PDB file of N, CA and C in Angstrom:
ATOM      1  N   GLU A   1     142.346 117.916 189.242  1.00  0.00           N
ATOM      2  CA  GLU A   1     142.943 118.338 187.993  1.00  0.00           C
ATOM      3  C   GLU A   1     143.660 117.182 187.302  1.00  0.00           C
ATOM      4  N   GLN A   2     144.244 116.311 188.085  1.00  0.00           N
ATOM      5  CA  GLN A   2     144.926 115.160 187.485  1.00  0.00           C
ATOM      6  C   GLN A   2     143.907 114.255 186.792  1.00  0.00           C
ATOM      7  N   PHE A   3     142.741 114.105 187.412  1.00  0.00           N
ATOM      8  CA  PHE A   3     141.681 113.287 186.819  1.00  0.00           C
ATOM      9  C   PHE A   3     141.221 113.881 185.487  1.00  0.00           C
ATOM     10  N   ILE A   4     141.088 115.195 185.431  1.00  0.00           N
ATOM     11  CA  ILE A   4     140.668 115.864 184.194  1.00  0.00           C
ATOM     12  C   ILE A   4     141.716 115.669 183.108  1.00  0.00           C
ATOM     13  N   ALA A   5     142.992 115.762 183.471  1.00  0.00           N
ATOM     14  CA  ALA A   5     144.068 115.564 182.498  1.00  0.00           C
ATOM     15  C   ALA A   5     144.082 114.129 181.975  1.00  0.00           C
ATOM     16  N   LEU A   6     143.882 113.153 182.865  1.00  0.00           N
ATOM     17  CA  LEU A   6     143.841 111.754 182.430  1.00  0.00           C
ATOM     18  C   LEU A   6     142.632 111.485 181.535  1.00  0.00           C
ATOM     19  N   ARG A   7     141.532 112.102 181.893  1.00  0.00           N
ATOM     20  CA  ARG A   7     140.322 111.922 181.075  1.00  0.00           C
ATOM     21  C   ARG A   7     140.521 112.503 179.673  1.00  0.00           C
ATOM     22  N   ARG A   8     141.124 113.679 179.590  1.00  0.00           N
ATOM     23  CA  ARG A   8     141.400 114.299 178.297  1.00  0.00           C
ATOM     24  C   ARG A   8     142.368 113.434 177.484  1.00  0.00           C
ATOM     25  N   GLN A   9     143.367 112.867 178.147  1.00  0.00           N
ATOM     26  CA  GLN A   9     144.333 111.997 177.469  1.00  0.00           C
ATOM     27  C   GLN A   9     143.639 110.739 176.936  1.00  0.00           C
ATOM     28  N   ALA A  10     142.741 110.156 177.719  1.00  0.00           N
ATOM     29  CA  ALA A  10     142.008 108.973 177.268  1.00  0.00           C
ATOM     30  C   ALA A  10     141.100 109.313 176.090  1.00  0.00           C
ATOM     31  N   LYS A  11     140.461 110.471 176.142  1.00  0.00           N
ATOM     32  CA  LYS A  11     139.582 110.893 175.050  1.00  0.00           C
ATOM     33  C   LYS A  11     140.384 111.102 173.762  1.00  0.00           C
ATOM     34  N   ASP A  12     141.559 111.710 173.873  1.00  0.00           N
ATOM     35  CA  ASP A  12     142.422 111.904 172.704  1.00  0.00           C
ATOM     36  C   ASP A  12     142.879 110.564 172.132  1.00  0.00           C
ATOM     37  N   ALA A  13     143.193 109.617 173.006  1.00  0.00           N
ATOM     38  CA  ALA A  13     143.617 108.290 172.546  1.00  0.00           C
ATOM     39  C   ALA A  13     142.479 107.585 171.815  1.00  0.00           C
ATOM     40  N   LEU A  14     141.257 107.711 172.315  1.00  0.00           N
ATOM     41  CA  LEU A  14     140.101 107.112 171.634  1.00  0.00           C
ATOM     42  C   LEU A  14     139.873 107.744 170.265  1.00  0.00           C
ATOM     43  N   THR A  15     139.994 109.055 170.185  1.00  0.00           N
ATOM     44  CA  THR A  15     139.822 109.748 168.909  1.00  0.00           C
ATOM     45  C   THR A  15     140.869 109.289 167.899  1.00  0.00           C
ATOM     46  N   LEU A  16     142.110 109.164 168.340  1.00  0.00           N
ATOM     47  CA  LEU A  16     143.181 108.704 167.461  1.00  0.00           C
ATOM     48  C   LEU A  16     142.931 107.268 167.001  1.00  0.00           C
ATOM     49  N   ALA A  17     142.498 106.404 167.910  1.00  0.00           N
ATOM     50  CA  ALA A  17     142.209 105.011 167.552  1.00  0.00           C
ATOM     51  C   ALA A  17     141.067 104.937 166.547  1.00  0.00           C
ATOM     52  N   GLN A  18     140.037 105.755 166.727  1.00  0.00           N
ATOM     53  CA  GLN A  18     138.918 105.769 165.784  1.00  0.00           C
ATOM     54  C   GLN A  18     139.366 106.233 164.403  1.00  0.00           C
ATOM     55  N   THR A  19     140.270 107.187 164.366  1.00  0.00           N
ATOM     56  CA  THR A  19     140.793 107.667 163.088  1.00  0.00           C
ATOM     57  C   THR A  19     141.545 106.558 162.365  1.00  0.00           C
ATOM     58  N   TYR A  20     142.398 105.838 163.072  1.00  0.00           N
ATOM     59  CA  TYR A  20     143.132 104.726 162.463  1.00  0.00           C
ATOM     60  C   TYR A  20     142.183 103.631 161.986  1.00  0.00           C
ATOM     61  N   GLN A  21     141.174 103.316 162.780  1.00  0.00           N
ATOM     62  CA  GLN A  21     140.208 102.285 162.393  1.00  0.00           C
ATOM     63  C   GLN A  21     139.435 102.704 161.150  1.00  0.00           C
ATOM     64  N   ARG A  22     139.023 103.965 161.089  1.00  0.00           N
ATOM     65  CA  ARG A  22     138.281 104.465 159.932  1.00  0.00           C
ATOM     66  C   ARG A  22     139.138 104.381 158.669  1.00  0.00           C
ATOM     67  N   GLU A  23     140.386 104.789 158.764  1.00  0.00           N
ATOM     68  CA  GLU A  23     141.282 104.733 157.604  1.00  0.00           C
ATOM     69  C   GLU A  23     141.509 103.296 157.160  1.00  0.00           C
ATOM     70  N   HIS A  24     141.708 102.394 158.102  1.00  0.00           N
ATOM     71  CA  HIS A  24     141.935 100.990 157.763  1.00  0.00           C
ATOM     72  C   HIS A  24     140.698 100.382 157.102  1.00  0.00           C
ATOM     73  N   TYR A  25     139.523 100.687 157.608  1.00  0.00           N
ATOM     74  CA  TYR A  25     138.284 100.147 157.037  1.00  0.00           C
ATOM     75  C   TYR A  25     138.041 100.699 155.634  1.00  0.00           C
ATOM     76  N   ASN A  26     138.260 101.986 155.445  1.00  0.00           N
ATOM     77  CA  ASN A  26     137.966 102.628 154.162  1.00  0.00           C
ATOM     78  C   ASN A  26     139.033 102.368 153.110  1.00  0.00           C
ATOM     79  N   ARG A  27     140.155 101.790 153.482  1.00  0.00           N
ATOM     80  CA  ARG A  27     141.249 101.569 152.530  1.00  0.00           C
ATOM     81  C   ARG A  27     140.813 100.684 151.369  1.00  0.00           C
ATOM     82  N   GLY A  28     140.093  99.613 151.646  1.00  0.00           N
ATOM     83  CA  GLY A  28     139.685  98.701 150.589  1.00  0.00           C
ATOM     84  C   GLY A  28     138.242  98.872 150.158  1.00  0.00           C
ATOM     85  N   ARG A  29     137.593  99.929 150.586  1.00  0.00           N
ATOM     86  CA  ARG A  29     136.176 100.145 150.326  1.00  0.00           C
ATOM     87  C   ARG A  29     135.990 100.951 149.050  1.00  0.00           C
ATOM     88  N   LEU A  30     135.049 100.524 148.222  1.00  0.00           N
ATOM     89  CA  LEU A  30     134.721 101.253 147.006  1.00  0.00           C
ATOM     90  C   LEU A  30     133.500 102.127 147.255  1.00  0.00           C
ATOM     91  N   ASP A  31     133.545 103.355 146.803  1.00  0.00           N
ATOM     92  CA  ASP A  31     132.383 104.232 146.896  1.00  0.00           C
ATOM     93  C   ASP A  31     131.585 104.096 145.610  1.00  0.00           C
ATOM     94  N   VAL A  32     130.653 103.165 145.605  1.00  0.00           N
ATOM     95  CA  VAL A  32     129.845 102.899 144.426  1.00  0.00           C
ATOM     96  C   VAL A  32     128.393 103.169 144.768  1.00  0.00           C
ATOM     97  N   GLU A  33     127.733 103.940 143.919  1.00  0.00           N
ATOM     98  CA  GLU A  33     126.304 104.166 144.081  1.00  0.00           C
ATOM     99  C   GLU A  33     125.627 103.824 142.770  1.00  0.00           C
ATOM    100  N   PHE A  34     124.456 103.216 142.868  1.00  0.00           N
ATOM    101  CA  PHE A  34     123.683 102.837 141.703  1.00  0.00           C
ATOM    102  C   PHE A  34     122.409 103.665 141.667  1.00  0.00           C
ATOM    103  N   GLU A  35     121.836 103.783 140.489  1.00  0.00           N
ATOM    104  CA  GLU A  35     120.576 104.506 140.320  1.00  0.00           C
ATOM    105  C   GLU A  35     119.470 103.518 139.995  1.00  0.00           C
ATOM    106  N   GLU A  36     118.225 103.971 140.127  1.00  0.00           N
ATOM    107  CA  GLU A  36     117.083 103.126 139.806  1.00  0.00           C
ATOM    108  C   GLU A  36     117.114 102.758 138.325  1.00  0.00           C
ATOM    109  N   ASP A  37     116.601 101.587 138.002  1.00  0.00           N
ATOM    110  CA  ASP A  37     116.523 101.015 136.649  1.00  0.00           C
ATOM    111  C   ASP A  37     117.869 100.522 136.126  1.00  0.00           C
ATOM    112  N   GLU A  38     118.933 100.611 136.899  1.00  0.00           N
ATOM    113  CA  GLU A  38     120.205 100.016 136.490  1.00  0.00           C
ATOM    114  C   GLU A  38     120.159  98.519 136.755  1.00  0.00           C
ATOM    115  N   LEU A  39     121.015  97.777 136.074  1.00  0.00           N
ATOM    116  CA  LEU A  39     121.118  96.334 136.270  1.00  0.00           C
ATOM    117  C   LEU A  39     122.383  96.024 137.067  1.00  0.00           C
ATOM    118  N   VAL A  40     122.251  95.134 138.037  1.00  0.00           N
ATOM    119  CA  VAL A  40     123.387  94.748 138.871  1.00  0.00           C
ATOM    120  C   VAL A  40     123.448  93.232 138.956  1.00  0.00           C
ATOM    121  N   VAL A  41     124.625  92.709 139.271  1.00  0.00           N
ATOM    122  CA  VAL A  41     124.791  91.272 139.500  1.00  0.00           C
ATOM    123  C   VAL A  41     125.146  91.067 140.967  1.00  0.00           C
ATOM    124  N   LEU A  42     124.783  89.898 141.494  1.00  0.00           N
ATOM    125  CA  LEU A  42     125.037  89.577 142.895  1.00  0.00           C
ATOM    126  C   LEU A  42     126.037  88.446 143.000  1.00  0.00           C
ATOM    127  N   ASN A  43     126.807  88.460 144.059  1.00  0.00           N
ATOM    128  CA  ASN A  43     127.702  87.358 144.374  1.00  0.00           C
ATOM    129  C   ASN A  43     126.906  86.377 145.234  1.00  0.00           C
ATOM    130  N   PRO A  44     126.511  85.230 144.693  1.00  0.00           N
ATOM    131  CA  PRO A  44     125.660  84.311 145.452  1.00  0.00           C
ATOM    132  C   PRO A  44     126.363  83.672 146.644  1.00  0.00           C
ATOM    133  N   HIS A  45     127.678  83.653 146.656  1.00  0.00           N
ATOM    134  CA  HIS A  45     128.411  83.053 147.770  1.00  0.00           C
ATOM    135  C   HIS A  45     128.276  83.898 149.035  1.00  0.00           C
ATOM    136  N   ARG A  46     128.235  85.194 148.872  1.00  0.00           N
ATOM    137  CA  ARG A  46     128.097  86.073 150.030  1.00  0.00           C
ATOM    138  C   ARG A  46     126.684  86.082 150.579  1.00  0.00           C
ATOM    139  N   LEU A  47     125.704  85.791 149.739  1.00  0.00           N
ATOM    140  CA  LEU A  47     124.309  85.853 150.170  1.00  0.00           C
ATOM    141  C   LEU A  47     123.756  84.495 150.564  1.00  0.00           C
ATOM    142  N   ASP A  48     124.571  83.470 150.565  1.00  0.00           N
ATOM    143  CA  ASP A  48     124.134  82.107 150.888  1.00  0.00           C
ATOM    144  C   ASP A  48     123.001  81.643 149.986  1.00  0.00           C
ATOM    145  N   LEU A  49     123.030  82.057 148.720  1.00  0.00           N
ATOM    146  CA  LEU A  49     122.010  81.602 147.778  1.00  0.00           C
ATOM    147  C   LEU A  49     122.287  80.181 147.316  1.00  0.00           C
ATOM    148  N   LEU A  50     123.485  79.681 147.573  1.00  0.00           N
ATOM    149  CA  LEU A  50     123.878  78.369 147.073  1.00  0.00           C
ATOM    150  C   LEU A  50     123.840  77.305 148.164  1.00  0.00           C
ATOM    151  N   ARG A  51     123.105  77.555 149.236  1.00  0.00           N
ATOM    152  CA  ARG A  51     123.054  76.584 150.332  1.00  0.00           C
ATOM    153  C   ARG A  51     122.519  75.237 149.865  1.00  0.00           C
ATOM    154  N   LYS A  52     121.543  75.267 148.956  1.00  0.00           N
ATOM    155  CA  LYS A  52     120.931  74.018 148.482  1.00  0.00           C
ATOM    156  C   LYS A  52     121.910  73.178 147.673  1.00  0.00           C
ATOM    157  N   LEU A  53     122.921  73.814 147.119  1.00  0.00           N
ATOM    158  CA  LEU A  53     123.823  73.129 146.200  1.00  0.00           C
ATOM    159  C   LEU A  53     125.111  72.667 146.874  1.00  0.00           C
ATOM    160  N   LYS A  54     125.112  72.531 148.176  1.00  0.00           N
ATOM    161  CA  LYS A  54     126.334  72.089 148.870  1.00  0.00           C
ATOM    162  C   LYS A  54     126.751  70.716 148.375  1.00  0.00           C
ATOM    163  N   GLY A  55     128.049  70.529 148.272  1.00  0.00           N
ATOM    164  CA  GLY A  55     128.581  69.252 147.845  1.00  0.00           C
ATOM    165  C   GLY A  55     128.722  69.124 146.349  1.00  0.00           C
ATOM    166  N   LYS A  56     128.389  70.174 145.589  1.00  0.00           N
ATOM    167  CA  LYS A  56     128.472  70.115 144.130  1.00  0.00           C
ATOM    168  C   LYS A  56     129.825  70.596 143.609  1.00  0.00           C
ATOM    169  N   GLY A  57     130.648  71.139 144.472  1.00  0.00           N
ATOM    170  CA  GLY A  57     131.954  71.637 144.041  1.00  0.00           C
ATOM    171  C   GLY A  57     131.887  73.123 143.774  1.00  0.00           C
ATOM    172  N   LYS A  58     132.718  73.887 144.425  1.00  0.00           N
ATOM    173  CA  LYS A  58     132.665  75.340 144.301  1.00  0.00           C
ATOM    174  C   LYS A  58     133.094  75.835 142.926  1.00  0.00           C
ATOM    175  N   LYS A  59     133.963  75.106 142.260  1.00  0.00           N
ATOM    176  CA  LYS A  59     134.480  75.580 140.981  1.00  0.00           C
ATOM    177  C   LYS A  59     133.400  75.647 139.911  1.00  0.00           C
ATOM    178  N   LEU A  60     132.402  74.795 140.036  1.00  0.00           N
ATOM    179  CA  LEU A  60     131.390  74.716 138.994  1.00  0.00           C
ATOM    180  C   LEU A  60     130.141  75.532 139.311  1.00  0.00           C
ATOM    181  N   LEU A  61     130.100  76.184 140.450  1.00  0.00           N
ATOM    182  CA  LEU A  61     128.936  76.976 140.814  1.00  0.00           C
ATOM    183  C   LEU A  61     129.031  78.368 140.202  1.00  0.00           C
ATOM    184  N   LEU A  62     127.927  79.107 140.263  1.00  0.00           N
ATOM    185  CA  LEU A  62     127.882  80.458 139.715  1.00  0.00           C
ATOM    186  C   LEU A  62     128.850  81.386 140.438  1.00  0.00           C
ATOM    187  N   LYS A  63     129.518  82.229 139.673  1.00  0.00           N
ATOM    188  CA  LYS A  63     130.330  83.262 140.299  1.00  0.00           C
ATOM    189  C   LYS A  63     129.468  84.477 140.606  1.00  0.00           C
ATOM    190  N   TYR A  64     128.597  84.834 139.673  1.00  0.00           N
ATOM    191  CA  TYR A  64     127.676  85.948 139.856  1.00  0.00           C
ATOM    192  C   TYR A  64     126.318  85.525 139.350  1.00  0.00           C
ATOM    193  N   ASP A  65     125.286  86.103 139.934  1.00  0.00           N
ATOM    194  CA  ASP A  65     123.927  85.793 139.531  1.00  0.00           C
ATOM    195  C   ASP A  65     123.241  87.093 139.152  1.00  0.00           C
ATOM    196  N   GLY A  66     122.433  87.045 138.113  1.00  0.00           N
ATOM    197  CA  GLY A  66     121.720  88.242 137.701  1.00  0.00           C
ATOM    198  C   GLY A  66     121.744  88.351 136.203  1.00  0.00           C
ATOM    199  N   PRO A  67     121.528  89.468 135.655  1.00  0.00           N
ATOM    200  CA  PRO A  67     121.390  90.790 136.267  1.00  0.00           C
ATOM    201  C   PRO A  67     120.003  91.002 136.871  1.00  0.00           C
ATOM    202  N   PHE A  68     119.960  91.853 137.892  1.00  0.00           N
ATOM    203  CA  PHE A  68     118.725  92.223 138.564  1.00  0.00           C
ATOM    204  C   PHE A  68     118.534  93.729 138.425  1.00  0.00           C
ATOM    205  N   GLU A  69     117.294  94.124 138.212  1.00  0.00           N
ATOM    206  CA  GLU A  69     116.974  95.542 138.064  1.00  0.00           C
ATOM    207  C   GLU A  69     116.797  96.177 139.442  1.00  0.00           C
ATOM    208  N   ILE A  70     117.316  97.385 139.598  1.00  0.00           N
ATOM    209  CA  ILE A  70     117.133  98.135 140.837  1.00  0.00           C
ATOM    210  C   ILE A  70     115.789  98.846 140.756  1.00  0.00           C
ATOM    211  N   LEU A  71     114.894  98.510 141.673  1.00  0.00           N
ATOM    212  CA  LEU A  71     113.571  99.127 141.700  1.00  0.00           C
ATOM    213  C   LEU A  71     113.565 100.418 142.506  1.00  0.00           C
ATOM    214  N   GLN A  72     114.302 100.429 143.603  1.00  0.00           N
ATOM    215  CA  GLN A  72     114.269 101.584 144.495  1.00  0.00           C
ATOM    216  C   GLN A  72     115.605 101.714 145.212  1.00  0.00           C
ATOM    217  N   LYS A  73     116.066 102.939 145.305  1.00  0.00           N
ATOM    218  CA  LYS A  73     117.264 103.234 146.092  1.00  0.00           C
ATOM    219  C   LYS A  73     116.795 103.691 147.469  1.00  0.00           C
ATOM    220  N   ILE A  74     116.991 102.855 148.463  1.00  0.00           N
ATOM    221  CA  ILE A  74     116.520 103.150 149.812  1.00  0.00           C
ATOM    222  C   ILE A  74     117.502 104.076 150.529  1.00  0.00           C
ATOM    223  N   SER A  75     118.776 103.801 150.381  1.00  0.00           N
ATOM    224  CA  SER A  75     119.835 104.642 150.937  1.00  0.00           C
ATOM    225  C   SER A  75     121.052 104.447 150.034  1.00  0.00           C
ATOM    226  N   PRO A  76     122.142 105.173 150.253  1.00  0.00           N
ATOM    227  CA  PRO A  76     123.324 104.958 149.401  1.00  0.00           C
ATOM    228  C   PRO A  76     123.878 103.536 149.464  1.00  0.00           C
ATOM    229  N   LEU A  77     123.515 102.765 150.491  1.00  0.00           N
ATOM    230  CA  LEU A  77     124.026 101.406 150.628  1.00  0.00           C
ATOM    231  C   LEU A  77     122.959 100.331 150.508  1.00  0.00           C
ATOM    232  N   ALA A  78     121.682 100.689 150.450  1.00  0.00           N
ATOM    233  CA  ALA A  78     120.607  99.698 150.413  1.00  0.00           C
ATOM    234  C   ALA A  78     119.734  99.917 149.182  1.00  0.00           C
ATOM    235  N   TYR A  79     119.447  98.809 148.484  1.00  0.00           N
ATOM    236  CA  TYR A  79     118.671  98.869 147.252  1.00  0.00           C
ATOM    237  C   TYR A  79     117.632  97.756 147.241  1.00  0.00           C
ATOM    238  N   ARG A  80     116.455  98.061 146.675  1.00  0.00           N
ATOM    239  CA  ARG A  80     115.423  97.047 146.478  1.00  0.00           C
ATOM    240  C   ARG A  80     115.542  96.565 145.034  1.00  0.00           C
ATOM    241  N   LEU A  81     115.703  95.247 144.863  1.00  0.00           N
ATOM    242  CA  LEU A  81     115.912  94.656 143.546  1.00  0.00           C
ATOM    243  C   LEU A  81     114.683  93.879 143.095  1.00  0.00           C
ATOM    244  N   ARG A  82     114.527  93.761 141.781  1.00  0.00           N
ATOM    245  CA  ARG A  82     113.497  92.894 141.219  1.00  0.00           C
ATOM    246  C   ARG A  82     114.110  91.496 141.138  1.00  0.00           C
ATOM    247  N   MET A  83     113.663  90.619 142.058  1.00  0.00           N
ATOM    248  CA  MET A  83     114.208  89.264 142.139  1.00  0.00           C
ATOM    249  C   MET A  83     113.082  88.257 141.939  1.00  0.00           C
ATOM    250  N   PRO A  84     113.393  87.109 141.362  1.00  0.00           N
ATOM    251  CA  PRO A  84     112.368  86.070 141.225  1.00  0.00           C
ATOM    252  C   PRO A  84     111.903  85.573 142.595  1.00  0.00           C
ATOM    253  N   ALA A  85     110.649  85.155 142.665  1.00  0.00           N
ATOM    254  CA  ALA A  85     110.092  84.649 143.927  1.00  0.00           C
ATOM    255  C   ALA A  85     110.784  83.365 144.362  1.00  0.00           C
ATOM    256  N   SER A  86     111.411  82.664 143.424  1.00  0.00           N
ATOM    257  CA  SER A  86     112.077  81.402 143.760  1.00  0.00           C
ATOM    258  C   SER A  86     113.282  81.604 144.685  1.00  0.00           C
ATOM    259  N   TYR A  87     113.784  82.826 144.786  1.00  0.00           N
ATOM    260  CA  TYR A  87     114.920  83.085 145.669  1.00  0.00           C
ATOM    261  C   TYR A  87     114.513  83.003 147.130  1.00  0.00           C
ATOM    262  N   GLY A  88     113.282  83.344 147.442  1.00  0.00           N
ATOM    263  CA  GLY A  88     112.794  83.224 148.807  1.00  0.00           C
ATOM    264  C   GLY A  88     113.552  84.069 149.807  1.00  0.00           C
ATOM    265  N   MET A  89     113.986  85.240 149.396  1.00  0.00           N
ATOM    266  CA  MET A  89     114.710  86.122 150.310  1.00  0.00           C
ATOM    267  C   MET A  89     114.213  87.544 150.140  1.00  0.00           C
ATOM    268  N   ASN A  90     114.548  88.381 151.075  1.00  0.00           N
ATOM    269  CA  ASN A  90     114.158  89.777 151.040  1.00  0.00           C
ATOM    270  C   ASN A  90     114.843  90.455 149.852  1.00  0.00           C
ATOM    271  N   PRO A  91     114.102  91.210 149.028  1.00  0.00           N
ATOM    272  CA  PRO A  91     114.717  91.842 147.858  1.00  0.00           C
ATOM    273  C   PRO A  91     115.545  93.080 148.180  1.00  0.00           C
ATOM    274  N   VAL A  92     115.637  93.471 149.440  1.00  0.00           N
ATOM    275  CA  VAL A  92     116.460  94.624 149.816  1.00  0.00           C
ATOM    276  C   VAL A  92     117.865  94.123 150.114  1.00  0.00           C
ATOM    277  N   ILE A  93     118.829  94.645 149.352  1.00  0.00           N
ATOM    278  CA  ILE A  93     120.219  94.204 149.449  1.00  0.00           C
ATOM    279  C   ILE A  93     121.076  95.361 149.947  1.00  0.00           C
ATOM    280  N   ASN A  94     121.944  95.075 150.889  1.00  0.00           N
ATOM    281  CA  ASN A  94     122.899  96.045 151.406  1.00  0.00           C
ATOM    282  C   ASN A  94     124.246  95.764 150.750  1.00  0.00           C
ATOM    283  N   ILE A  95     124.849  96.791 150.116  1.00  0.00           N
ATOM    284  CA  ILE A  95     126.126  96.555 149.433  1.00  0.00           C
ATOM    285  C   ILE A  95     127.299  96.873 150.331  1.00  0.00           C
TER     286      ILE A  95
END
């Protein structure tokens, strides 16, 4: 019985920790959803699109790149974009 009580206490502690983690993660998260045919801009710094331009100075590089058309909504967080072939990356972007 003591083992069952300790196990229940550990399970409750895990549930409480998960609740705190979820709240902390969602605090700064935006619930944004886009529809097909909308135009969006990308932050090239997060996608490593500016790797070729290293050493040019961050202040003078693009802040946002685009706009790109959304071709398909794969899930609430994943979208297929119409991107030029020169980007050389997968057109499915996770926001």
